[in-house]
Amino acid sequence: MLAYRDTAHAADLLARGRGSLAASLVSDDVPWTTSLVTETAAWHGRLHLLDSVTMGRTTGHGSPLPALRHGGPGRAGGGSEMAGLRGVLDLMQRTAVQGSPRVLDALGT
């Protein structure tokens, strides 16, 4: 858990570690959440977005779903071989995003 002064400070703190497997953001403020996701996704393999809709049924910060292939440290998920096109995809930046439909819809617009 990190204390922060404002959105820019939160984004800076999340970027200082130069990457993590997963980060959780907890807020009901959809514009704030989507802003922070766009600023920090490149530093994380998975972003777990919690709000009042998802808090009661969350899979937890450390519980990725099997379908979430992402490019975090260790290239978590999938176990694909390092050959051909599939191997190249493992070297590309990917971020899996888990969240409520309202937050994911806001990210898509």
PDB file of N, CA and C in Angstrom:
ATOM      1  N   MET A   1       0.850  -1.148   0.000  1.00  0.00           N
ATOM      2  CA  MET A   1       0.000   0.000   0.000  1.00  0.00           C
ATOM      3  C   MET A   1       0.909   1.229   0.000  1.00  0.00           C
ATOM      4  N   LEU A   2       0.584   2.196  -0.862  1.00  0.00           N
ATOM      5  CA  LEU A   2       1.361   3.426  -0.979  1.00  0.00           C
ATOM      6  C   LEU A   2       0.474   4.632  -0.727  1.00  0.00           C
ATOM      7  N   ALA A   3       0.982   5.572   0.056  1.00  0.00           N
ATOM      8  CA  ALA A   3       0.296   6.850   0.230  1.00  0.00           C
ATOM      9  C   ALA A   3       0.781   7.793  -0.869  1.00  0.00           C
ATOM     10  N   TYR A   4      -0.114   8.632  -1.382  1.00  0.00           N
ATOM     11  CA  TYR A   4       0.246   9.539  -2.467  1.00  0.00           C
ATOM     12  C   TYR A   4      -0.476  10.864  -2.277  1.00  0.00           C
ATOM     13  N   ARG A   5       0.081  11.923  -2.879  1.00  0.00           N
ATOM     14  CA  ARG A   5      -0.485  13.270  -2.759  1.00  0.00           C
ATOM     15  C   ARG A   5      -1.568  13.536  -3.801  1.00  0.00           C
ATOM     16  N   ASP A   6      -1.328  13.081  -5.018  1.00  0.00           N
ATOM     17  CA  ASP A   6      -2.257  13.319  -6.114  1.00  0.00           C
ATOM     18  C   ASP A   6      -2.026  12.252  -7.188  1.00  0.00           C
ATOM     19  N   THR A   7      -2.762  12.333  -8.279  1.00  0.00           N
ATOM     20  CA  THR A   7      -2.659  11.311  -9.325  1.00  0.00           C
ATOM     21  C   THR A   7      -1.263  11.240  -9.920  1.00  0.00           C
ATOM     22  N   ALA A   8      -0.650  12.384 -10.169  1.00  0.00           N
ATOM     23  CA  ALA A   8       0.703  12.389 -10.740  1.00  0.00           C
ATOM     24  C   ALA A   8       1.701  11.725  -9.797  1.00  0.00           C
ATOM     25  N   HIS A   9       1.565  11.985  -8.511  1.00  0.00           N
ATOM     26  CA  HIS A   9       2.457  11.373  -7.531  1.00  0.00           C
ATOM     27  C   HIS A   9       2.221   9.862  -7.468  1.00  0.00           C
ATOM     28  N   ALA A  10       0.968   9.427  -7.527  1.00  0.00           N
ATOM     29  CA  ALA A  10       0.669   7.991  -7.523  1.00  0.00           C
ATOM     30  C   ALA A  10       1.284   7.315  -8.745  1.00  0.00           C
ATOM     31  N   ALA A  11       1.150   7.932  -9.913  1.00  0.00           N
ATOM     32  CA  ALA A  11       1.725   7.366 -11.144  1.00  0.00           C
ATOM     33  C   ALA A  11       3.243   7.283 -11.039  1.00  0.00           C
ATOM     34  N   ASP A  12       3.865   8.311 -10.478  1.00  0.00           N
ATOM     35  CA  ASP A  12       5.317   8.317 -10.303  1.00  0.00           C
ATOM     36  C   ASP A  12       5.758   7.181  -9.373  1.00  0.00           C
ATOM     37  N   LEU A  13       5.057   7.004  -8.270  1.00  0.00           N
ATOM     38  CA  LEU A  13       5.406   5.936  -7.338  1.00  0.00           C
ATOM     39  C   LEU A  13       5.284   4.560  -7.984  1.00  0.00           C
ATOM     40  N   LEU A  14       4.236   4.360  -8.772  1.00  0.00           N
ATOM     41  CA  LEU A  14       4.036   3.072  -9.435  1.00  0.00           C
ATOM     42  C   LEU A  14       5.095   2.802 -10.498  1.00  0.00           C
ATOM     43  N   ALA A  15       5.615   3.857 -11.098  1.00  0.00           N
ATOM     44  CA  ALA A  15       6.645   3.698 -12.138  1.00  0.00           C
ATOM     45  C   ALA A  15       8.044   3.516 -11.555  1.00  0.00           C
ATOM     46  N   ARG A  16       8.284   3.966 -10.335  1.00  0.00           N
ATOM     47  CA  ARG A  16       9.626   3.910  -9.742  1.00  0.00           C
ATOM     48  C   ARG A  16      10.182   2.503  -9.629  1.00  0.00           C
ATOM     49  N   GLY A  17       9.316   1.530  -9.417  1.00  0.00           N
ATOM     50  CA  GLY A  17       9.775   0.150  -9.291  1.00  0.00           C
ATOM     51  C   GLY A  17      10.191  -0.464 -10.618  1.00  0.00           C
ATOM     52  N   ARG A  18       9.959   0.230 -11.712  1.00  0.00           N
ATOM     53  CA  ARG A  18      10.301  -0.217 -13.070  1.00  0.00           C
ATOM     54  C   ARG A  18       9.667  -1.562 -13.418  1.00  0.00           C
ATOM     55  N   GLY A  19       8.474  -1.773 -12.931  1.00  0.00           N
ATOM     56  CA  GLY A  19       7.730  -2.964 -13.326  1.00  0.00           C
ATOM     57  C   GLY A  19       7.421  -3.884 -12.173  1.00  0.00           C
ATOM     58  N   SER A  20       6.218  -4.390 -12.195  1.00  0.00           N
ATOM     59  CA  SER A  20       5.809  -5.388 -11.218  1.00  0.00           C
ATOM     60  C   SER A  20       4.874  -6.372 -11.909  1.00  0.00           C
ATOM     61  N   LEU A  21       4.717  -7.498 -11.300  1.00  0.00           N
ATOM     62  CA  LEU A  21       3.825  -8.502 -11.857  1.00  0.00           C
ATOM     63  C   LEU A  21       2.391  -8.007 -11.822  1.00  0.00           C
ATOM     64  N   ALA A  22       1.973  -7.428 -10.688  1.00  0.00           N
ATOM     65  CA  ALA A  22       0.592  -6.976 -10.559  1.00  0.00           C
ATOM     66  C   ALA A  22       0.499  -5.786  -9.628  1.00  0.00           C
ATOM     67  N   ALA A  23      -0.489  -4.950  -9.888  1.00  0.00           N
ATOM     68  CA  ALA A  23      -0.810  -3.829  -9.006  1.00  0.00           C
ATOM     69  C   ALA A  23      -2.325  -3.764  -8.876  1.00  0.00           C
ATOM     70  N   SER A  24      -2.794  -3.393  -7.703  1.00  0.00           N
ATOM     71  CA  SER A  24      -4.228  -3.224  -7.473  1.00  0.00           C
ATOM     72  C   SER A  24      -4.529  -1.752  -7.259  1.00  0.00           C
ATOM     73  N   LEU A  25      -5.586  -1.277  -7.902  1.00  0.00           N
ATOM     74  CA  LEU A  25      -6.085   0.078  -7.706  1.00  0.00           C
ATOM     75  C   LEU A  25      -7.486  -0.044  -7.129  1.00  0.00           C
ATOM     76  N   VAL A  26      -7.750   0.650  -6.034  1.00  0.00           N
ATOM     77  CA  VAL A  26      -9.044   0.560  -5.367  1.00  0.00           C
ATOM     78  C   VAL A  26      -9.687   1.939  -5.346  1.00  0.00           C
ATOM     79  N   SER A  27     -10.784   2.105  -6.075  1.00  0.00           N
ATOM     80  CA  SER A  27     -11.467   3.397  -6.133  1.00  0.00           C
ATOM     81  C   SER A  27     -12.824   3.255  -6.807  1.00  0.00           C
ATOM     82  N   ASP A  28     -13.750   4.108  -6.437  1.00  0.00           N
ATOM     83  CA  ASP A  28     -15.031   4.210  -7.142  1.00  0.00           C
ATOM     84  C   ASP A  28     -15.039   5.377  -8.119  1.00  0.00           C
ATOM     85  N   ASP A  29     -13.924   6.096  -8.199  1.00  0.00           N
ATOM     86  CA  ASP A  29     -13.789   7.238  -9.086  1.00  0.00           C
ATOM     87  C   ASP A  29     -13.300   6.740 -10.452  1.00  0.00           C
ATOM     88  N   VAL A  30     -14.230   6.498 -11.372  1.00  0.00           N
ATOM     89  CA  VAL A  30     -13.896   5.904 -12.672  1.00  0.00           C
ATOM     90  C   VAL A  30     -12.942   6.785 -13.478  1.00  0.00           C
ATOM     91  N   PRO A  31     -13.149   8.096 -13.576  1.00  0.00           N
ATOM     92  CA  PRO A  31     -12.186   8.911 -14.328  1.00  0.00           C
ATOM     93  C   PRO A  31     -10.773   8.842 -13.743  1.00  0.00           C
ATOM     94  N   TRP A  32     -10.652   8.861 -12.413  1.00  0.00           N
ATOM     95  CA  TRP A  32      -9.336   8.749 -11.777  1.00  0.00           C
ATOM     96  C   TRP A  32      -8.700   7.403 -12.099  1.00  0.00           C
ATOM     97  N   THR A  33      -9.471   6.331 -11.968  1.00  0.00           N
ATOM     98  CA  THR A  33      -8.953   4.984 -12.223  1.00  0.00           C
ATOM     99  C   THR A  33      -8.486   4.850 -13.662  1.00  0.00           C
ATOM    100  N   THR A  34      -9.294   5.285 -14.616  1.00  0.00           N
ATOM    101  CA  THR A  34      -8.905   5.148 -16.021  1.00  0.00           C
ATOM    102  C   THR A  34      -7.676   5.995 -16.339  1.00  0.00           C
ATOM    103  N   SER A  35      -7.570   7.163 -15.724  1.00  0.00           N
ATOM    104  CA  SER A  35      -6.394   8.007 -15.925  1.00  0.00           C
ATOM    105  C   SER A  35      -5.143   7.310 -15.400  1.00  0.00           C
ATOM    106  N   LEU A  36      -5.228   6.755 -14.207  1.00  0.00           N
ATOM    107  CA  LEU A  36      -4.066   6.083 -13.622  1.00  0.00           C
ATOM    108  C   LEU A  36      -3.707   4.818 -14.404  1.00  0.00           C
ATOM    109  N   VAL A  37      -4.689   4.101 -14.914  1.00  0.00           N
ATOM    110  CA  VAL A  37      -4.418   2.910 -15.725  1.00  0.00           C
ATOM    111  C   VAL A  37      -3.635   3.290 -16.978  1.00  0.00           C
ATOM    112  N   THR A  38      -4.068   4.325 -17.679  1.00  0.00           N
ATOM    113  CA  THR A  38      -3.369   4.700 -18.910  1.00  0.00           C
ATOM    114  C   THR A  38      -1.955   5.202 -18.640  1.00  0.00           C
ATOM    115  N   GLU A  39      -1.725   5.785 -17.463  1.00  0.00           N
ATOM    116  CA  GLU A  39      -0.392   6.283 -17.123  1.00  0.00           C
ATOM    117  C   GLU A  39       0.548   5.193 -16.606  1.00  0.00           C
ATOM    118  N   THR A  40       0.009   4.106 -16.070  1.00  0.00           N
ATOM    119  CA  THR A  40       0.865   3.132 -15.386  1.00  0.00           C
ATOM    120  C   THR A  40       0.826   1.717 -15.953  1.00  0.00           C
ATOM    121  N   ALA A  41      -0.019   1.443 -16.918  1.00  0.00           N
ATOM    122  CA  ALA A  41      -0.159   0.073 -17.433  1.00  0.00           C
ATOM    123  C   ALA A  41       1.159  -0.491 -17.955  1.00  0.00           C
ATOM    124  N   ALA A  42       1.973   0.348 -18.555  1.00  0.00           N
ATOM    125  CA  ALA A  42       3.237  -0.139 -19.131  1.00  0.00           C
ATOM    126  C   ALA A  42       4.198  -0.685 -18.075  1.00  0.00           C
ATOM    127  N   TRP A  43       3.973  -0.363 -16.819  1.00  0.00           N
ATOM    128  CA  TRP A  43       4.870  -0.815 -15.750  1.00  0.00           C
ATOM    129  C   TRP A  43       4.396  -2.091 -15.072  1.00  0.00           C
ATOM    130  N   HIS A  44       3.257  -2.625 -15.456  1.00  0.00           N
ATOM    131  CA  HIS A  44       2.681  -3.767 -14.748  1.00  0.00           C
ATOM    132  C   HIS A  44       2.186  -4.836 -15.712  1.00  0.00           C
ATOM    133  N   GLY A  45       2.336  -6.083 -15.323  1.00  0.00           N
ATOM    134  CA  GLY A  45       1.811  -7.177 -16.115  1.00  0.00           C
ATOM    135  C   GLY A  45       0.309  -7.301 -15.990  1.00  0.00           C
ATOM    136  N   ARG A  46      -0.212  -6.969 -14.801  1.00  0.00           N
ATOM    137  CA  ARG A  46      -1.660  -7.057 -14.559  1.00  0.00           C
ATOM    138  C   ARG A  46      -2.072  -5.936 -13.647  1.00  0.00           C
ATOM    139  N   LEU A  47      -3.186  -5.292 -13.986  1.00  0.00           N
ATOM    140  CA  LEU A  47      -3.789  -4.288 -13.122  1.00  0.00           C
ATOM    141  C   LEU A  47      -5.121  -4.818 -12.640  1.00  0.00           C
ATOM    142  N   HIS A  48      -5.273  -4.880 -11.337  1.00  0.00           N
ATOM    143  CA  HIS A  48      -6.480  -5.378 -10.701  1.00  0.00           C
ATOM    144  C   HIS A  48      -7.244  -4.160 -10.193  1.00  0.00           C
ATOM    145  N   LEU A  49      -8.355  -3.824 -10.841  1.00  0.00           N
ATOM    146  CA  LEU A  49      -9.120  -2.623 -10.531  1.00  0.00           C
ATOM    147  C   LEU A  49     -10.318  -2.987  -9.674  1.00  0.00           C
ATOM    148  N   LEU A  50     -10.303  -2.526  -8.451  1.00  0.00           N
ATOM    149  CA  LEU A  50     -11.388  -2.838  -7.526  1.00  0.00           C
ATOM    150  C   LEU A  50     -12.242  -1.603  -7.289  1.00  0.00           C
ATOM    151  N   ASP A  51     -13.550  -1.813  -7.259  1.00  0.00           N
ATOM    152  CA  ASP A  51     -14.492  -0.760  -6.905  1.00  0.00           C
ATOM    153  C   ASP A  51     -15.607  -1.385  -6.074  1.00  0.00           C
ATOM    154  N   SER A  52     -16.623  -0.600  -5.732  1.00  0.00           N
ATOM    155  CA  SER A  52     -17.693  -1.131  -4.883  1.00  0.00           C
ATOM    156  C   SER A  52     -18.458  -2.259  -5.558  1.00  0.00           C
ATOM    157  N   VAL A  53     -18.416  -2.323  -6.890  1.00  0.00           N
ATOM    158  CA  VAL A  53     -19.097  -3.394  -7.622  1.00  0.00           C
ATOM    159  C   VAL A  53     -18.345  -4.717  -7.476  1.00  0.00           C
ATOM    160  N   THR A  54     -17.027  -4.679  -7.502  1.00  0.00           N
ATOM    161  CA  THR A  54     -16.226  -5.909  -7.515  1.00  0.00           C
ATOM    162  C   THR A  54     -15.673  -6.331  -6.162  1.00  0.00           C
ATOM    163  N   MET A  55     -15.726  -5.471  -5.161  1.00  0.00           N
ATOM    164  CA  MET A  55     -15.092  -5.782  -3.868  1.00  0.00           C
ATOM    165  C   MET A  55     -15.614  -7.078  -3.245  1.00  0.00           C
ATOM    166  N   GLY A  56     -16.893  -7.350  -3.363  1.00  0.00           N
ATOM    167  CA  GLY A  56     -17.473  -8.520  -2.725  1.00  0.00           C
ATOM    168  C   GLY A  56     -17.182  -9.832  -3.424  1.00  0.00           C
ATOM    169  N   ARG A  57     -16.687  -9.781  -4.642  1.00  0.00           N
ATOM    170  CA  ARG A  57     -16.455 -11.026  -5.377  1.00  0.00           C
ATOM    171  C   ARG A  57     -15.104 -11.042  -6.093  1.00  0.00           C
ATOM    172  N   THR A  58     -14.153 -10.349  -5.534  1.00  0.00           N
ATOM    173  CA  THR A  58     -12.836 -10.267  -6.155  1.00  0.00           C
ATOM    174  C   THR A  58     -12.082 -11.596  -6.091  1.00  0.00           C
ATOM    175  N   THR A  59     -11.258 -11.834  -7.096  1.00  0.00           N
ATOM    176  CA  THR A  59     -10.397 -13.019  -7.091  1.00  0.00           C
ATOM    177  C   THR A  59      -9.132 -12.757  -6.289  1.00  0.00           C
ATOM    178  N   GLY A  60      -8.893 -11.525  -5.949  1.00  0.00           N
ATOM    179  CA  GLY A  60      -7.721 -11.165  -5.157  1.00  0.00           C
ATOM    180  C   GLY A  60      -6.552 -10.720  -6.011  1.00  0.00           C
ATOM    181  N   HIS A  61      -5.707  -9.891  -5.435  1.00  0.00           N
ATOM    182  CA  HIS A  61      -4.547  -9.323  -6.124  1.00  0.00           C
ATOM    183  C   HIS A  61      -3.623 -10.407  -6.670  1.00  0.00           C
ATOM    184  N   GLY A  62      -3.433 -11.474  -5.931  1.00  0.00           N
ATOM    185  CA  GLY A  62      -2.498 -12.519  -6.335  1.00  0.00           C
ATOM    186  C   GLY A  62      -3.131 -13.690  -7.045  1.00  0.00           C
ATOM    187  N   SER A  63      -4.334 -13.525  -7.573  1.00  0.00           N
ATOM    188  CA  SER A  63      -5.056 -14.634  -8.199  1.00  0.00           C
ATOM    189  C   SER A  63      -5.401 -14.331  -9.648  1.00  0.00           C
ATOM    190  N   PRO A  64      -4.423 -14.376 -10.557  1.00  0.00           N
ATOM    191  CA  PRO A  64      -4.745 -14.121 -11.958  1.00  0.00           C
ATOM    192  C   PRO A  64      -5.580 -15.250 -12.545  1.00  0.00           C
ATOM    193  N   LEU A  65      -6.392 -14.909 -13.491  1.00  0.00           N
ATOM    194  CA  LEU A  65      -7.190 -15.913 -14.181  1.00  0.00           C
ATOM    195  C   LEU A  65      -6.346 -16.565 -15.272  1.00  0.00           C
ATOM    196  N   PRO A  66      -6.576 -17.836 -15.584  1.00  0.00           N
ATOM    197  CA  PRO A  66      -5.739 -18.547 -16.558  1.00  0.00           C
ATOM    198  C   PRO A  66      -5.693 -17.892 -17.933  1.00  0.00           C
ATOM    199  N   ALA A  67      -6.751 -17.212 -18.334  1.00  0.00           N
ATOM    200  CA  ALA A  67      -6.785 -16.611 -19.669  1.00  0.00           C
ATOM    201  C   ALA A  67      -6.010 -15.298 -19.757  1.00  0.00           C
ATOM    202  N   LEU A  68      -5.539 -14.782 -18.634  1.00  0.00           N
ATOM    203  CA  LEU A  68      -4.848 -13.498 -18.630  1.00  0.00           C
ATOM    204  C   LEU A  68      -3.363 -13.669 -18.918  1.00  0.00           C
ATOM    205  N   ARG A  69      -2.999 -13.664 -20.196  1.00  0.00           N
ATOM    206  CA  ARG A  69      -1.578 -13.697 -20.579  1.00  0.00           C
ATOM    207  C   ARG A  69      -1.096 -12.273 -20.602  1.00  0.00           C
ATOM    208  N   HIS A  70       0.003 -12.007 -19.955  1.00  0.00           N
ATOM    209  CA  HIS A  70       0.504 -10.648 -19.929  1.00  0.00           C
ATOM    210  C   HIS A  70       2.013 -10.623 -19.939  1.00  0.00           C
ATOM    211  N   GLY A  71       2.562  -9.419 -20.046  1.00  0.00           N
ATOM    212  CA  GLY A  71       4.002  -9.268 -20.211  1.00  0.00           C
ATOM    213  C   GLY A  71       4.711  -8.750 -18.994  1.00  0.00           C
ATOM    214  N   GLY A  72       4.255  -9.110 -17.827  1.00  0.00           N
ATOM    215  CA  GLY A  72       4.931  -8.667 -16.611  1.00  0.00           C
ATOM    216  C   GLY A  72       6.232  -9.409 -16.392  1.00  0.00           C
ATOM    217  N   PRO A  73       6.962  -9.024 -15.365  1.00  0.00           N
ATOM    218  CA  PRO A  73       8.206  -9.724 -15.050  1.00  0.00           C
ATOM    219  C   PRO A  73       7.968 -11.226 -14.935  1.00  0.00           C
ATOM    220  N   GLY A  74       8.785 -11.997 -15.584  1.00  0.00           N
ATOM    221  CA  GLY A  74       8.603 -13.449 -15.577  1.00  0.00           C
ATOM    222  C   GLY A  74       7.652 -13.930 -16.650  1.00  0.00           C
ATOM    223  N   ARG A  75       7.050 -12.990 -17.395  1.00  0.00           N
ATOM    224  CA  ARG A  75       6.109 -13.347 -18.462  1.00  0.00           C
ATOM    225  C   ARG A  75       5.055 -14.339 -17.976  1.00  0.00           C
ATOM    226  N   ALA A  76       4.351 -13.971 -16.939  1.00  0.00           N
ATOM    227  CA  ALA A  76       3.406 -14.864 -16.282  1.00  0.00           C
ATOM    228  C   ALA A  76       2.287 -15.306 -17.222  1.00  0.00           C
ATOM    229  N   GLY A  77       1.899 -16.537 -17.082  1.00  0.00           N
ATOM    230  CA  GLY A  77       0.751 -17.077 -17.801  1.00  0.00           C
ATOM    231  C   GLY A  77       1.101 -17.759 -19.094  1.00  0.00           C
ATOM    232  N   GLY A  78       0.425 -18.829 -19.390  1.00  0.00           N
ATOM    233  CA  GLY A  78       0.504 -19.462 -20.692  1.00  0.00           C
ATOM    234  C   GLY A  78       1.607 -20.470 -20.909  1.00  0.00           C
ATOM    235  N   GLY A  79       2.813 -20.190 -20.452  1.00  0.00           N
ATOM    236  CA  GLY A  79       3.936 -21.107 -20.620  1.00  0.00           C
ATOM    237  C   GLY A  79       4.278 -21.423 -22.060  1.00  0.00           C
ATOM    238  N   SER A  80       4.124 -20.457 -22.970  1.00  0.00           N
ATOM    239  CA  SER A  80       4.395 -20.737 -24.378  1.00  0.00           C
ATOM    240  C   SER A  80       5.890 -20.913 -24.624  1.00  0.00           C
ATOM    241  N   GLU A  81       6.191 -21.683 -25.623  1.00  0.00           N
ATOM    242  CA  GLU A  81       7.589 -21.920 -25.990  1.00  0.00           C
ATOM    243  C   GLU A  81       8.187 -20.667 -26.614  1.00  0.00           C
ATOM    244  N   MET A  82       9.476 -20.520 -26.556  1.00  0.00           N
ATOM    245  CA  MET A  82      10.139 -19.345 -27.114  1.00  0.00           C
ATOM    246  C   MET A  82      10.600 -19.631 -28.542  1.00  0.00           C
ATOM    247  N   ALA A  83       9.660 -19.821 -29.430  1.00  0.00           N
ATOM    248  CA  ALA A  83      10.008 -20.095 -30.824  1.00  0.00           C
ATOM    249  C   ALA A  83       8.951 -19.478 -31.727  1.00  0.00           C
ATOM    250  N   GLY A  84       9.356 -19.023 -32.882  1.00  0.00           N
ATOM    251  CA  GLY A  84       8.431 -18.501 -33.866  1.00  0.00           C
ATOM    252  C   GLY A  84       7.708 -17.261 -33.389  1.00  0.00           C
ATOM    253  N   LEU A  85       6.578 -16.967 -34.009  1.00  0.00           N
ATOM    254  CA  LEU A  85       5.813 -15.773 -33.708  1.00  0.00           C
ATOM    255  C   LEU A  85       5.332 -15.749 -32.258  1.00  0.00           C
ATOM    256  N   ARG A  86       4.931 -16.892 -31.756  1.00  0.00           N
ATOM    257  CA  ARG A  86       4.441 -16.936 -30.376  1.00  0.00           C
ATOM    258  C   ARG A  86       5.530 -16.525 -29.388  1.00  0.00           C
ATOM    259  N   GLY A  87       6.761 -16.914 -29.658  1.00  0.00           N
ATOM    260  CA  GLY A  87       7.873 -16.517 -28.803  1.00  0.00           C
ATOM    261  C   GLY A  87       8.144 -15.030 -28.860  1.00  0.00           C
ATOM    262  N   VAL A  88       7.961 -14.423 -30.018  1.00  0.00           N
ATOM    263  CA  VAL A  88       8.154 -12.980 -30.159  1.00  0.00           C
ATOM    264  C   VAL A  88       7.091 -12.233 -29.364  1.00  0.00           C
ATOM    265  N   LEU A  89       5.873 -12.724 -29.357  1.00  0.00           N
ATOM    266  CA  LEU A  89       4.796 -12.069 -28.617  1.00  0.00           C
ATOM    267  C   LEU A  89       5.102 -11.993 -27.124  1.00  0.00           C
ATOM    268  N   ASP A  90       5.837 -12.969 -26.593  1.00  0.00           N
ATOM    269  CA  ASP A  90       6.193 -12.927 -25.177  1.00  0.00           C
ATOM    270  C   ASP A  90       7.127 -11.774 -24.852  1.00  0.00           C
ATOM    271  N   LEU A  91       7.813 -11.230 -25.847  1.00  0.00           N
ATOM    272  CA  LEU A  91       8.747 -10.134 -25.623  1.00  0.00           C
ATOM    273  C   LEU A  91       8.085  -8.763 -25.769  1.00  0.00           C
ATOM    274  N   MET A  92       6.827  -8.742 -26.154  1.00  0.00           N
ATOM    275  CA  MET A  92       6.108  -7.485 -26.328  1.00  0.00           C
ATOM    276  C   MET A  92       5.411  -7.107 -25.023  1.00  0.00           C
ATOM    277  N   GLN A  93       5.221  -5.826 -24.819  1.00  0.00           N
ATOM    278  CA  GLN A  93       4.530  -5.336 -23.625  1.00  0.00           C
ATOM    279  C   GLN A  93       3.042  -5.655 -23.714  1.00  0.00           C
ATOM    280  N   ARG A  94       2.544  -6.292 -22.675  1.00  0.00           N
ATOM    281  CA  ARG A  94       1.109  -6.562 -22.542  1.00  0.00           C
ATOM    282  C   ARG A  94       0.728  -6.319 -21.099  1.00  0.00           C
ATOM    283  N   THR A  95      -0.456  -5.826 -20.897  1.00  0.00           N
ATOM    284  CA  THR A  95      -0.980  -5.663 -19.547  1.00  0.00           C
ATOM    285  C   THR A  95      -2.388  -6.229 -19.514  1.00  0.00           C
ATOM    286  N   ALA A  96      -2.621  -7.179 -18.634  1.00  0.00           N
ATOM    287  CA  ALA A  96      -3.972  -7.703 -18.427  1.00  0.00           C
ATOM    288  C   ALA A  96      -4.673  -6.779 -17.433  1.00  0.00           C
ATOM    289  N   VAL A  97      -5.937  -6.478 -17.691  1.00  0.00           N
ATOM    290  CA  VAL A  97      -6.694  -5.585 -16.819  1.00  0.00           C
ATOM    291  C   VAL A  97      -7.943  -6.305 -16.345  1.00  0.00           C
ATOM    292  N   GLN A  98      -8.093  -6.399 -15.033  1.00  0.00           N
ATOM    293  CA  GLN A  98      -9.286  -6.981 -14.424  1.00  0.00           C
ATOM    294  C   GLN A  98     -10.065  -5.861 -13.768  1.00  0.00           C
ATOM    295  N   GLY A  99     -11.379  -5.821 -13.951  1.00  0.00           N
ATOM    296  CA  GLY A  99     -12.184  -4.789 -13.317  1.00  0.00           C
ATOM    297  C   GLY A  99     -13.652  -4.979 -13.615  1.00  0.00           C
ATOM    298  N   SER A 100     -14.453  -4.096 -13.059  1.00  0.00           N
ATOM    299  CA  SER A 100     -15.897  -4.161 -13.283  1.00  0.00           C
ATOM    300  C   SER A 100     -16.212  -3.698 -14.700  1.00  0.00           C
ATOM    301  N   PRO A 101     -17.354  -4.104 -15.236  1.00  0.00           N
ATOM    302  CA  PRO A 101     -17.727  -3.681 -16.587  1.00  0.00           C
ATOM    303  C   PRO A 101     -17.731  -2.164 -16.762  1.00  0.00           C
ATOM    304  N   ARG A 102     -18.152  -1.412 -15.740  1.00  0.00           N
ATOM    305  CA  ARG A 102     -18.210   0.056 -15.904  1.00  0.00           C
ATOM    306  C   ARG A 102     -16.816   0.651 -16.056  1.00  0.00           C
ATOM    307  N   VAL A 103     -15.825   0.116 -15.349  1.00  0.00           N
ATOM    308  CA  VAL A 103     -14.457   0.630 -15.485  1.00  0.00           C
ATOM    309  C   VAL A 103     -13.851   0.182 -16.807  1.00  0.00           C
ATOM    310  N   LEU A 104     -14.047  -1.083 -17.168  1.00  0.00           N
ATOM    311  CA  LEU A 104     -13.502  -1.575 -18.433  1.00  0.00           C
ATOM    312  C   LEU A 104     -14.136  -0.865 -19.623  1.00  0.00           C
ATOM    313  N   ASP A 105     -15.433  -0.578 -19.546  1.00  0.00           N
ATOM    314  CA  ASP A 105     -16.094   0.177 -20.614  1.00  0.00           C
ATOM    315  C   ASP A 105     -15.511   1.579 -20.729  1.00  0.00           C
ATOM    316  N   ALA A 106     -15.220   2.202 -19.591  1.00  0.00           N
ATOM    317  CA  ALA A 106     -14.639   3.553 -19.621  1.00  0.00           C
ATOM    318  C   ALA A 106     -13.251   3.539 -20.230  1.00  0.00           C
ATOM    319  N   LEU A 107     -12.499   2.473 -20.030  1.00  0.00           N
ATOM    320  CA  LEU A 107     -11.177   2.361 -20.621  1.00  0.00           C
ATOM    321  C   LEU A 107     -11.241   2.180 -22.128  1.00  0.00           C
ATOM    322  N   GLY A 108     -12.322   1.565 -22.613  1.00  0.00           N
ATOM    323  CA  GLY A 108     -12.463   1.301 -24.039  1.00  0.00           C
ATOM    324  C   GLY A 108     -12.920   2.505 -24.842  1.00  0.00           C
ATOM    325  N   THR A 109     -13.274   3.602 -24.172  1.00  0.00           N
ATOM    326  CA  THR A 109     -13.767   4.767 -24.902  1.00  0.00           C
ATOM    327  C   THR A 109     -12.768   5.886 -24.927  1.00  0.00           C
TER     328      THR A 109
END
